[in-house]
Amino acid sequence: MNTWRIKPLDAILATAEKKSLHRSLGAFQLTMLGIGAIIGTGIFVLTAAAAQKAGPGMMLSFIVAGFVCAVAALCYSELASMVPVSGSAYTYTYAVMGELLAWMVGWALILEYAVAASAVCVGWSGYIMGLIEHATGFALPELLSNGPAWSMNGYMPVADFSHGIVNLPAIIVAGLVTWLLVMGTSESAMVNAILVVIKVTALTAFIVLSLPLLKGENFTPLMPTGLFGHDGLGVIGAAASIFFAYVGFDAVSTAAEETKNPQRNVPIGLIGSLAICTIFYLLVAAGVIGTVGAQPLRDAAGVVLSPDSAAFAAHCKELAAAGNAPIVCSREALAEVLRINGFAQVGNLVGLAASIALPSVILMMIYGQTRIFFVMARDGLLPEKLADVHPKWKTPWKVTIFTGIFVAIAAAFFPVGQLADISNSGTLFAFFMVAIAVLVLRKTDPNRRRPFKTPLIWIVAPLAIAGTLGLYLNLPLVAKLVLPIWGAIGLVIYFGYSRSHSHVGKGLIEVHEDDSDVPPSSVPPIS
């Protein structure tokens, strides 16, 4: 049996062409689509962690992460336009490089979607509890509103439960969203549009109120942890974490089949939305740094602390008790900056905006994860029973509940920054494989119809490969270790179950006409 079983691209494309999508999107619509998809969780949640890793240098981190996203997106767009069916990077890899690598990409996408959902649950927990405390004075005990802090003892992760045992609000929101998905609740385009307006309005209000208060001295030293720091610190380390704030740009890539003149409009939509979001992020970062300062916390020896470490949590607790905790300690940084600067009510409204918008992001990420599981299960690589549909609610209840439990457990016991880093490791691997797949297909099938062709492919794709690899290598040690360990578990499952149950391995080539018009990634904003 061939180890590198390839799902025939011609069969996929033949089915897709039967349901070709109406081309109606122009450059402006694509740019707006990208902005709505990108601006989201990352900027609300990860600002404090990025400041602890890079200080004011996090502004440079946003630029680095945005550039890597841009070159990866251009590669992604070519395959998205060629293979306009569900399955995202998993489907692309299956059609180009074969089943084993496709399995590894699909397995890594679990880190992207499910773990990212957990990160958003933790981010929501910080904002909702901050909002409740400032509105009513009620605060959950610290042990029930924080998961444990994690540190490395050699190559072994060690949990410190002294500042938190379990993040109860994160479990609750994960459970509620899972229940809604099982019941069949979905969002309309109108609701999504309203939530995008809420997010953008909140960030705009923050920028307008904070920029007039900037103080130049708060920007020095610009790079207190250097360009490359240890264990995920430094400007590049922060960029590896901030990458989470940009994911969602693939919404533009997957719309290539619906775009008028994709060769012109897709790059404009991608680069335009990424450029506008980068400017937005830079202004928000400047507002945080310039108004309250963003120098990282250090221990008694002057060593910068990791934002997810027990030592960092202990130091923040001491400073909070004294009433002078810096913004790097905040779980709701943007709202807290406004409160510190005398805009308490607006700060509460920003917290409310995050609390309203983030559950919808969790919903779409858990939905997206079930979509990836579906595609893998129908290819025989996962048990097809996972895709059973509930007789009453007509939803894939088994895989949804399974995903929800996974999301809730991760959200309960890990901090948001660590979850975002772990999620990034899976995302970076998927985009790394997509960039390679584009080059492979240019060599092996140069005459294939490409509605969108990546410009300067032999420059852009290697930049994407180097950029995604470089960011991965600058993630904290825990996040770097998770990917190979998770991959090893995946290989055991593949050779123990999936390989022998594969439909392609059995000679069954299914292309599923019922969803040939579904975009390659049905997941809206996850950033």
Protein backbone atom coordinates (compact mmCIF):
# COMPACT_ATOMS: atom_id res chain seq x y z
CA MET A 1 0.00 0.00 0.00
CA ASN A 2 1.24 3.44 -0.84
CA THR A 3 2.22 5.46 2.22
CA TRP A 4 1.67 8.69 0.30
CA ARG A 5 -1.92 8.08 -0.77
CA ILE A 6 -3.21 11.14 -2.56
CA LYS A 7 -6.86 12.05 -2.87
CA PRO A 8 -7.24 12.87 -6.59
CA LEU A 9 -7.46 16.60 -7.16
CA ASP A 10 -9.37 16.07 -10.41
CA ALA A 11 -12.21 14.30 -8.58
CA ILE A 12 -12.44 17.10 -6.01
CA LEU A 13 -12.42 19.80 -8.66
CA ALA A 14 -14.91 18.03 -10.91
CA THR A 15 -17.43 18.02 -8.08
CA ALA A 16 -16.65 21.60 -7.06
CA GLU A 17 -17.22 22.80 -10.63
CA LYS A 18 -20.77 21.40 -10.54
CA LYS A 19 -21.55 23.94 -7.84
CA SER A 20 -19.38 26.86 -8.82
CA LEU A 21 -20.03 29.96 -6.74
CA HIS A 22 -21.28 33.26 -8.10
CA ARG A 23 -18.43 35.74 -8.38
CA SER A 24 -19.70 38.91 -6.72
CA LEU A 25 -17.04 40.15 -4.30
CA GLY A 26 -14.78 43.07 -5.16
CA ALA A 27 -11.64 44.37 -3.46
CA PHE A 28 -13.57 46.57 -1.01
CA GLN A 29 -15.88 43.76 0.12
CA LEU A 30 -12.93 41.41 0.56
CA THR A 31 -11.06 43.99 2.62
CA MET A 32 -14.07 44.54 4.89
CA LEU A 33 -14.53 40.78 5.19
CA GLY A 34 -10.90 40.43 6.27
CA ILE A 35 -11.09 43.25 8.82
CA GLY A 36 -14.21 41.72 10.37
CA ALA A 37 -12.57 38.31 10.57
CA ILE A 38 -9.19 39.44 11.93
CA ILE A 39 -10.07 42.01 14.59
CA GLY A 40 -11.19 40.05 17.59
CA THR A 41 -10.00 38.10 20.55
CA GLY A 42 -6.26 38.51 20.30
CA ILE A 43 -6.13 42.28 20.66
CA PHE A 44 -8.57 42.26 23.60
CA VAL A 45 -6.89 39.40 25.43
CA LEU A 46 -3.19 39.11 24.56
CA THR A 47 -2.05 42.73 24.87
CA ALA A 48 -0.91 42.33 28.49
CA ALA A 49 0.99 39.09 27.80
CA ALA A 50 2.67 40.65 24.75
CA ALA A 51 3.73 43.66 26.84
CA GLN A 52 5.28 41.35 29.43
CA LYS A 53 7.23 39.55 26.70
CA ALA A 54 8.45 42.57 24.72
CA GLY A 55 7.54 45.78 26.58
CA PRO A 56 6.97 48.69 24.17
CA GLY A 57 8.63 46.52 21.53
CA MET A 58 5.32 44.70 21.14
CA MET A 59 4.52 47.36 18.52
CA LEU A 60 7.29 45.84 16.38
CA SER A 61 5.88 42.38 17.19
CA PHE A 62 2.58 43.30 15.56
CA ILE A 63 4.42 44.30 12.38
CA VAL A 64 6.45 41.05 12.26
CA ALA A 65 3.37 38.86 12.85
CA GLY A 66 1.37 40.80 10.25
CA PHE A 67 4.09 40.32 7.63
CA VAL A 68 4.27 36.54 8.21
CA CYS A 69 0.47 36.39 7.95
CA ALA A 70 0.57 38.31 4.66
CA VAL A 71 2.98 35.94 2.88
CA ALA A 72 1.24 32.87 4.34
CA ALA A 73 -2.13 34.25 3.21
CA LEU A 74 -0.96 34.71 -0.36
CA CYS A 75 0.06 31.03 -0.49
CA TYR A 76 -3.17 29.98 1.20
CA SER A 77 -5.19 31.90 -1.39
CA GLU A 78 -3.79 29.96 -4.34
CA LEU A 79 -4.81 26.61 -2.90
CA ALA A 80 -8.13 27.96 -1.62
CA SER A 81 -9.03 29.09 -5.15
CA MET A 82 -7.92 25.76 -6.66
CA VAL A 83 -9.61 23.47 -4.12
CA PRO A 84 -12.85 25.26 -3.15
CA VAL A 85 -14.21 22.57 -0.83
CA SER A 86 -14.39 22.07 2.91
CA GLY A 87 -11.45 20.87 4.98
CA SER A 88 -9.05 23.81 4.95
CA ALA A 89 -5.32 22.96 4.95
CA TYR A 90 -6.19 19.28 5.55
CA THR A 91 -7.92 19.00 2.14
CA TYR A 92 -5.14 20.90 0.36
CA THR A 93 -2.46 18.63 1.80
CA TYR A 94 -4.43 15.47 0.98
CA ALA A 95 -4.73 16.54 -2.66
CA VAL A 96 -1.07 17.53 -3.02
CA MET A 97 1.17 15.64 -0.60
CA GLY A 98 -0.86 12.63 0.45
CA GLU A 99 -2.72 11.07 3.33
CA LEU A 100 -0.05 10.83 6.02
CA LEU A 101 0.87 14.51 5.87
CA ALA A 102 -2.82 15.41 5.51
CA TRP A 103 -3.55 13.50 8.70
CA MET A 104 -0.76 15.36 10.49
CA VAL A 105 -2.13 18.71 9.30
CA GLY A 106 -5.70 17.77 10.29
CA TRP A 107 -4.43 16.60 13.67
CA ALA A 108 -2.54 19.90 14.13
CA LEU A 109 -5.68 21.87 13.22
CA ILE A 110 -7.21 20.54 16.45
CA LEU A 111 -4.61 22.68 18.22
CA GLU A 112 -5.61 25.63 16.05
CA TYR A 113 -9.38 25.48 16.53
CA ALA A 114 -10.10 23.69 19.82
CA VAL A 115 -7.22 25.14 21.82
CA ALA A 116 -7.89 28.59 20.38
CA ALA A 117 -11.49 28.23 21.58
CA SER A 118 -10.13 27.48 25.04
CA ALA A 119 -7.98 30.62 24.90
CA VAL A 120 -11.02 32.73 24.05
CA CYS A 121 -12.96 31.15 26.94
CA VAL A 122 -10.21 32.23 29.34
CA GLY A 123 -10.10 35.70 27.79
CA TRP A 124 -13.88 36.01 28.16
CA SER A 125 -13.59 34.93 31.79
CA GLY A 126 -11.19 37.79 32.56
CA TYR A 127 -13.40 40.43 30.96
CA ILE A 128 -16.74 39.22 32.36
CA MET A 129 -15.41 38.88 35.92
CA GLY A 130 -13.77 42.30 35.72
CA LEU A 131 -17.03 43.78 34.46
CA ILE A 132 -19.09 42.12 37.23
CA GLU A 133 -16.64 43.20 39.91
CA HIS A 134 -16.65 46.85 38.82
CA ALA A 135 -20.45 46.88 38.40
CA THR A 136 -21.48 45.02 41.57
CA GLY A 137 -18.40 44.58 43.74
CA PHE A 138 -18.73 40.78 43.55
CA ALA A 139 -15.58 38.81 42.80
CA LEU A 140 -15.11 35.06 42.61
CA PRO A 141 -12.36 33.65 44.84
CA GLU A 142 -9.07 33.65 42.98
CA LEU A 143 -8.85 29.86 43.22
CA LEU A 144 -12.08 29.53 41.19
CA SER A 145 -11.43 32.24 38.60
CA ASN A 146 -7.88 31.24 37.56
CA GLY A 147 -6.32 28.02 36.43
CA PRO A 148 -2.94 27.00 37.85
CA ALA A 149 0.29 28.65 36.75
CA TRP A 150 2.63 26.39 34.80
CA SER A 151 6.41 26.30 34.73
CA MET A 152 9.03 23.92 33.33
CA ASN A 153 11.15 21.67 35.51
CA GLY A 154 13.65 20.60 32.87
CA TYR A 155 11.36 19.25 30.15
CA MET A 156 8.49 18.51 32.53
CA PRO A 157 5.61 21.00 33.01
CA VAL A 158 4.76 21.60 36.67
CA ALA A 159 1.49 23.14 37.90
CA ASP A 160 1.37 25.65 40.76
CA PHE A 161 -2.12 25.77 42.32
CA SER A 162 -1.35 28.45 44.90
CA HIS A 163 -2.94 31.26 42.81
CA GLY A 164 -5.68 29.32 41.05
CA ILE A 165 -7.16 25.84 40.79
CA VAL A 166 -9.80 26.02 38.11
CA ASN A 167 -11.24 28.75 35.87
CA LEU A 168 -14.95 28.25 36.56
CA PRO A 169 -16.32 31.03 34.28
CA ALA A 170 -14.33 29.62 31.35
CA ILE A 171 -15.87 26.18 31.92
CA ILE A 172 -19.35 27.71 32.07
CA VAL A 173 -19.05 29.61 28.79
CA ALA A 174 -17.54 26.56 27.03
CA GLY A 175 -20.45 24.44 28.31
CA LEU A 176 -23.10 26.95 27.27
CA VAL A 177 -21.68 27.36 23.77
CA THR A 178 -21.43 23.57 23.33
CA TRP A 179 -25.06 23.19 24.45
CA LEU A 180 -26.16 25.84 21.95
CA LEU A 181 -24.35 24.03 19.13
CA VAL A 182 -25.88 20.68 20.09
CA MET A 183 -29.33 22.30 20.11
CA GLY A 184 -28.68 23.63 16.62
CA THR A 185 -28.37 27.34 17.32
CA SER A 186 -26.41 29.19 14.68
CA GLU A 187 -25.60 32.79 14.00
CA SER A 188 -27.02 34.84 11.17
CA ALA A 189 -24.93 37.09 8.97
CA MET A 190 -26.69 40.06 10.59
CA VAL A 191 -25.65 39.01 14.10
CA ASN A 192 -22.07 38.55 12.94
CA ALA A 193 -22.11 42.00 11.34
CA ILE A 194 -23.42 43.58 14.56
CA LEU A 195 -20.71 41.88 16.60
CA VAL A 196 -18.03 43.13 14.20
CA VAL A 197 -19.37 46.67 14.64
CA ILE A 198 -19.30 46.25 18.44
CA LYS A 199 -15.67 45.08 18.39
CA VAL A 200 -14.47 47.80 16.05
CA THR A 201 -16.39 50.52 17.93
CA ALA A 202 -14.88 49.43 21.24
CA LEU A 203 -11.33 49.53 19.85
CA THR A 204 -11.95 52.88 18.13
CA ALA A 205 -13.21 54.37 21.41
CA PHE A 206 -10.08 53.09 23.14
CA ILE A 207 -7.81 54.66 20.51
CA VAL A 208 -9.62 58.02 20.50
CA LEU A 209 -9.49 58.33 24.29
CA SER A 210 -5.98 57.01 24.89
CA LEU A 211 -3.87 58.58 22.13
CA PRO A 212 -4.13 62.18 23.41
CA LEU A 213 -2.70 60.97 26.74
CA LEU A 214 0.52 59.43 25.38
CA LYS A 215 3.77 60.11 27.21
CA GLY A 216 6.98 59.71 25.24
CA GLU A 217 8.99 58.45 28.21
CA ASN A 218 6.77 55.36 28.44
CA PHE A 219 8.24 54.09 25.15
CA THR A 220 11.79 53.77 26.48
CA PRO A 221 13.51 51.42 26.60
CA LEU A 222 11.80 50.23 23.42
CA MET A 223 13.04 46.63 23.54
CA PRO A 224 13.74 45.79 27.21
CA THR A 225 13.85 42.06 26.46
CA GLY A 226 15.75 42.39 23.17
CA LEU A 227 14.86 41.09 19.72
CA PHE A 228 15.26 37.42 20.62
CA GLY A 229 14.66 36.56 24.27
CA HIS A 230 14.69 33.23 26.09
CA ASP A 231 11.64 30.95 26.24
CA GLY A 232 9.30 33.07 24.14
CA LEU A 233 10.39 36.49 25.39
CA GLY A 234 11.65 39.33 23.17
CA VAL A 235 10.09 41.06 20.18
CA ILE A 236 10.04 37.90 18.02
CA GLY A 237 8.74 35.78 20.90
CA ALA A 238 5.90 38.27 21.39
CA ALA A 239 5.26 38.19 17.62
CA ALA A 240 4.86 34.41 17.84
CA SER A 241 2.15 34.92 20.49
CA ILE A 242 0.55 37.91 18.75
CA PHE A 243 0.15 35.79 15.60
CA PHE A 244 -3.04 34.64 17.33
CA ALA A 245 -4.48 38.16 16.90
CA TYR A 246 -4.26 37.90 13.09
CA VAL A 247 -5.67 34.44 12.46
CA GLY A 248 -8.93 34.79 10.58
CA PHE A 249 -7.34 36.32 7.49
CA ASP A 250 -8.04 33.01 5.74
CA ALA A 251 -11.65 34.19 5.46
CA VAL A 252 -10.39 36.31 2.56
CA SER A 253 -8.47 33.42 1.03
CA THR A 254 -11.44 31.07 1.14
CA ALA A 255 -13.63 33.64 -0.60
CA ALA A 256 -11.46 33.50 -3.74
CA GLU A 257 -14.09 31.46 -5.61
CA GLU A 258 -16.67 34.18 -5.00
CA THR A 259 -14.40 37.04 -6.07
CA LYS A 260 -14.51 39.02 -9.28
CA ASN A 261 -11.06 39.11 -10.87
CA PRO A 262 -9.41 37.17 -8.01
CA GLN A 263 -5.88 37.70 -9.35
CA ARG A 264 -6.28 41.42 -8.68
CA ASN A 265 -8.78 41.56 -5.82
CA VAL A 266 -7.59 38.76 -3.52
CA PRO A 267 -4.14 40.34 -2.89
CA ILE A 268 -5.81 43.74 -2.38
CA GLY A 269 -8.27 42.23 0.10
CA LEU A 270 -5.60 40.29 1.96
CA ILE A 271 -2.89 42.91 2.14
CA GLY A 272 -5.44 45.69 2.64
CA SER A 273 -7.20 44.03 5.57
CA LEU A 274 -3.91 42.97 7.17
CA ALA A 275 -2.45 46.48 6.75
CA ILE A 276 -5.53 48.18 8.23
CA CYS A 277 -5.66 45.71 11.14
CA THR A 278 -1.93 46.15 11.78
CA ILE A 279 -2.41 49.93 11.97
CA PHE A 280 -5.38 49.39 14.29
CA TYR A 281 -3.31 47.10 16.50
CA LEU A 282 -0.35 49.50 16.55
CA LEU A 283 -2.61 52.34 17.68
CA VAL A 284 -4.13 50.19 20.42
CA ALA A 285 -0.67 49.06 21.55
CA ALA A 286 0.53 52.69 21.53
CA GLY A 287 -2.46 53.64 23.66
CA VAL A 288 -1.62 50.98 26.24
CA ILE A 289 2.10 51.72 26.30
CA GLY A 290 1.92 55.49 26.14
CA THR A 291 -0.73 56.03 28.84
CA VAL A 292 0.18 53.57 31.60
CA GLY A 293 3.54 52.12 30.52
CA ALA A 294 4.22 48.53 29.56
CA GLN A 295 7.62 47.60 30.93
CA PRO A 296 7.82 43.90 31.85
CA LEU A 297 7.90 42.68 35.44
CA ARG A 298 11.22 41.35 36.72
CA ASP A 299 12.21 39.22 39.68
CA ALA A 300 14.58 40.31 42.44
CA ALA A 301 17.56 39.43 40.24
CA GLY A 302 16.28 41.61 37.40
CA VAL A 303 15.24 38.69 35.18
CA VAL A 304 12.05 39.20 33.14
CA LEU A 305 9.34 36.78 34.26
CA SER A 306 7.32 34.65 31.86
CA PRO A 307 3.70 35.90 31.81
CA ASP A 308 2.39 32.38 32.42
CA SER A 309 4.75 31.45 35.27
CA ALA A 310 3.93 30.95 38.94
CA ALA A 311 6.53 33.58 39.86
CA PHE A 312 4.78 36.14 37.63
CA ALA A 313 1.39 35.33 39.17
CA ALA A 314 2.82 35.69 42.68
CA HIS A 315 4.49 39.02 41.91
CA CYS A 316 1.28 40.38 40.32
CA LYS A 317 -0.70 39.29 43.39
CA GLU A 318 1.67 41.16 45.70
CA LEU A 319 1.48 44.33 43.60
CA ALA A 320 -2.32 44.10 43.36
CA ALA A 321 -2.57 43.84 47.14
CA ALA A 322 -0.48 47.01 47.37
CA GLY A 323 -2.73 48.71 44.83
CA ASN A 324 -0.12 49.28 42.14
CA ALA A 325 -0.31 46.27 39.79
CA PRO A 326 1.01 47.21 36.32
CA ILE A 327 -1.02 46.66 33.15
CA VAL A 328 1.00 43.54 32.27
CA CYS A 329 -0.81 41.82 35.17
CA SER A 330 -4.30 42.64 33.89
CA ARG A 331 -6.71 40.04 32.52
CA GLU A 332 -8.71 42.82 30.81
CA ALA A 333 -5.97 45.20 29.72
CA LEU A 334 -7.90 47.58 27.44
CA ALA A 335 -10.74 48.12 29.89
CA GLU A 336 -8.26 48.60 32.74
CA VAL A 337 -6.24 51.22 30.84
CA LEU A 338 -9.37 53.32 30.36
CA ARG A 339 -10.33 52.99 34.02
CA ILE A 340 -6.85 54.06 35.15
CA ASN A 341 -7.07 57.14 32.92
CA GLY A 342 -10.41 58.29 34.31
CA PHE A 343 -12.75 56.74 31.74
CA ALA A 344 -14.26 54.13 34.05
CA GLN A 345 -17.65 53.93 32.33
CA VAL A 346 -16.13 53.64 28.86
CA GLY A 347 -13.74 51.01 30.24
CA ASN A 348 -16.72 49.05 31.50
CA LEU A 349 -18.35 49.39 28.07
CA VAL A 350 -15.21 48.02 26.41
CA GLY A 351 -15.36 45.10 28.86
CA LEU A 352 -19.02 44.64 27.98
CA ALA A 353 -18.21 44.70 24.25
CA ALA A 354 -15.62 41.96 24.73
CA SER A 355 -18.01 39.95 26.91
CA ILE A 356 -20.72 40.13 24.22
CA ALA A 357 -18.48 39.47 21.20
CA LEU A 358 -16.19 36.71 22.46
CA PRO A 359 -18.79 33.91 22.99
CA SER A 360 -19.71 34.10 19.30
CA VAL A 361 -16.05 33.56 18.45
CA ILE A 362 -15.97 30.51 20.74
CA LEU A 363 -19.08 29.18 18.99
CA MET A 364 -17.56 29.53 15.53
CA MET A 365 -14.28 27.92 16.58
CA ILE A 366 -15.95 24.89 18.15
CA TYR A 367 -18.14 24.65 15.04
CA GLY A 368 -15.03 24.86 12.87
CA GLN A 369 -13.39 22.07 14.86
CA THR A 370 -16.39 19.80 14.35
CA ARG A 371 -16.14 20.61 10.62
CA ILE A 372 -12.55 19.38 10.49
CA PHE A 373 -13.52 16.23 12.44
CA PHE A 374 -16.37 15.66 9.98
CA VAL A 375 -14.13 15.80 6.94
CA MET A 376 -11.60 13.45 8.54
CA ALA A 377 -14.29 11.04 9.73
CA ARG A 378 -15.96 10.79 6.31
CA ASP A 379 -12.54 10.02 4.80
CA GLY A 380 -12.38 7.10 7.25
CA LEU A 381 -9.46 8.54 9.22
CA LEU A 382 -11.60 8.95 12.34
CA PRO A 383 -14.50 6.72 13.49
CA GLU A 384 -17.52 7.62 11.39
CA LYS A 385 -19.74 7.22 14.49
CA LEU A 386 -18.30 10.55 15.66
CA ALA A 387 -20.31 12.23 12.91
CA ASP A 388 -23.66 10.79 14.02
CA VAL A 389 -26.50 13.30 13.71
CA HIS A 390 -28.95 13.74 16.60
CA PRO A 391 -32.43 12.47 15.59
CA LYS A 392 -34.22 15.49 17.06
CA TRP A 393 -31.81 18.42 16.73
CA LYS A 394 -30.16 17.25 13.48
CA THR A 395 -26.70 18.26 14.74
CA PRO A 396 -23.48 16.20 15.06
CA TRP A 397 -24.00 15.95 18.82
CA LYS A 398 -21.30 13.38 19.63
CA VAL A 399 -18.40 15.24 18.03
CA THR A 400 -19.72 18.56 19.35
CA ILE A 401 -19.90 17.34 22.95
CA PHE A 402 -16.48 15.69 22.62
CA THR A 403 -14.98 18.95 21.34
CA GLY A 404 -16.74 21.00 24.03
CA ILE A 405 -15.37 18.82 26.82
CA PHE A 406 -11.84 19.16 25.39
CA VAL A 407 -12.23 22.95 25.16
CA ALA A 408 -13.62 23.24 28.72
CA ILE A 409 -10.82 21.16 30.27
CA ALA A 410 -8.07 23.16 28.55
CA ALA A 411 -9.75 26.46 29.48
CA ALA A 412 -10.12 25.37 33.10
CA PHE A 413 -6.48 24.61 33.74
CA PHE A 414 -4.31 26.76 31.44
CA PRO A 415 -3.69 30.53 31.21
CA VAL A 416 -4.75 32.42 28.10
CA GLY A 417 -1.24 33.21 26.88
CA GLN A 418 -0.14 29.60 27.07
CA LEU A 419 -3.26 28.41 25.24
CA ALA A 420 -2.74 31.01 22.51
CA ASP A 421 0.88 29.88 22.09
CA ILE A 422 -0.15 26.21 21.85
CA SER A 423 -2.85 27.12 19.34
CA ASN A 424 -0.29 29.08 17.32
CA SER A 425 1.98 26.05 17.11
CA GLY A 426 -0.75 24.12 15.27
CA THR A 427 -1.68 27.09 13.09
CA LEU A 428 1.92 27.81 12.11
CA PHE A 429 2.44 24.15 11.18
CA ALA A 430 -0.67 24.16 8.98
CA PHE A 431 0.41 27.34 7.15
CA PHE A 432 3.96 25.97 6.85
CA MET A 433 2.54 22.89 5.07
CA VAL A 434 0.30 25.01 2.83
CA ALA A 435 3.31 27.07 1.66
CA ILE A 436 5.18 23.86 0.82
CA ALA A 437 2.12 22.43 -0.94
CA VAL A 438 1.91 25.49 -3.21
CA LEU A 439 5.52 25.01 -4.33
CA VAL A 440 5.09 21.25 -4.80
CA LEU A 441 1.99 21.73 -6.94
CA ARG A 442 3.68 24.40 -9.07
CA LYS A 443 6.35 21.80 -9.92
CA THR A 444 4.21 18.66 -10.24
CA ASP A 445 1.18 20.22 -11.93
CA PRO A 446 2.22 23.56 -13.45
CA ASN A 447 -0.61 23.63 -16.01
CA ARG A 448 -3.42 23.23 -13.49
CA ARG A 449 -6.03 26.03 -13.60
CA ARG A 450 -5.36 28.52 -10.82
CA PRO A 451 -8.08 31.20 -10.39
CA PHE A 452 -5.59 32.98 -8.17
CA LYS A 453 -1.81 32.62 -8.57
CA THR A 454 0.47 33.71 -5.76
CA PRO A 455 2.68 36.50 -7.14
CA LEU A 456 6.46 36.01 -6.94
CA ILE A 457 5.83 32.48 -5.69
CA TRP A 458 9.53 31.54 -5.38
CA ILE A 459 10.03 34.50 -3.06
CA VAL A 460 6.70 34.63 -1.22
CA ALA A 461 6.40 30.89 -0.39
CA PRO A 462 9.96 30.55 0.99
CA LEU A 463 9.32 33.69 3.08
CA ALA A 464 6.13 32.08 4.41
CA ILE A 465 8.01 28.85 5.17
CA ALA A 466 10.83 30.71 6.93
CA GLY A 467 8.44 33.06 8.73
CA THR A 468 6.16 30.37 10.13
CA LEU A 469 9.14 28.22 11.14
CA GLY A 470 10.89 31.22 12.73
CA LEU A 471 7.85 32.16 14.80
CA TYR A 472 7.37 28.55 15.89
CA LEU A 473 10.97 28.33 17.08
CA ASN A 474 10.44 31.48 19.15
CA LEU A 475 7.39 30.16 20.98
CA PRO A 476 7.87 29.24 24.67
CA LEU A 477 9.29 25.78 25.32
CA VAL A 478 5.94 24.32 26.44
CA ALA A 479 4.24 25.35 23.18
CA LYS A 480 7.14 24.05 21.09
CA LEU A 481 7.01 20.68 22.86
CA VAL A 482 3.24 20.31 22.54
CA LEU A 483 3.31 20.10 18.72
CA PRO A 484 5.75 17.15 18.39
CA ILE A 485 4.16 15.33 21.34
CA TRP A 486 0.68 15.91 19.90
CA GLY A 487 2.02 14.83 16.51
CA ALA A 488 3.45 11.61 17.98
CA ILE A 489 0.05 10.80 19.51
CA GLY A 490 -1.48 11.47 16.10
CA LEU A 491 0.92 9.07 14.39
CA VAL A 492 0.02 6.30 16.85
CA ILE A 493 -3.67 6.83 16.04
CA TYR A 494 -2.98 6.99 12.30
CA PHE A 495 -1.00 3.75 12.11
CA GLY A 496 -3.17 2.05 14.74
CA TYR A 497 -6.56 2.96 13.25
CA SER A 498 -6.76 5.52 10.46
CA ARG A 499 -4.47 3.89 7.90
CA SER A 500 -6.45 0.65 7.83
CA HIS A 501 -9.84 2.43 7.77
CA SER A 502 -8.94 5.05 5.15
CA HIS A 503 -11.44 5.23 2.31
CA VAL A 504 -8.72 6.28 -0.15
CA GLY A 505 -6.66 3.30 0.99
CA LYS A 506 -9.64 1.07 0.21
CA GLY A 507 -10.01 2.63 -3.22
CA LEU A 508 -13.12 4.64 -2.29
CA ILE A 509 -12.79 8.14 -3.70
CA GLU A 510 -15.58 10.27 -2.27
CA VAL A 511 -15.92 13.95 -3.02
CA HIS A 512 -19.26 14.72 -1.31
CA GLU A 513 -21.25 16.88 -3.68
CA ASP A 514 -23.45 18.13 -0.82
CA ASP A 515 -20.72 20.46 0.42
CA SER A 516 -18.60 21.11 -2.63
CA ASP A 517 -19.61 24.75 -2.45
CA VAL A 518 -18.60 25.14 1.20
CA PRO A 519 -15.47 27.27 1.54
CA PRO A 520 -12.31 25.40 2.56
CA SER A 521 -12.52 26.86 6.05
CA SER A 522 -16.02 27.48 7.34
CA VAL A 523 -14.67 29.23 10.40
CA PRO A 524 -15.15 33.00 10.61
CA PRO A 525 -13.10 35.21 12.95
CA ILE A 526 -11.02 33.23 15.35
CA SER A 527 -8.39 35.79 16.18
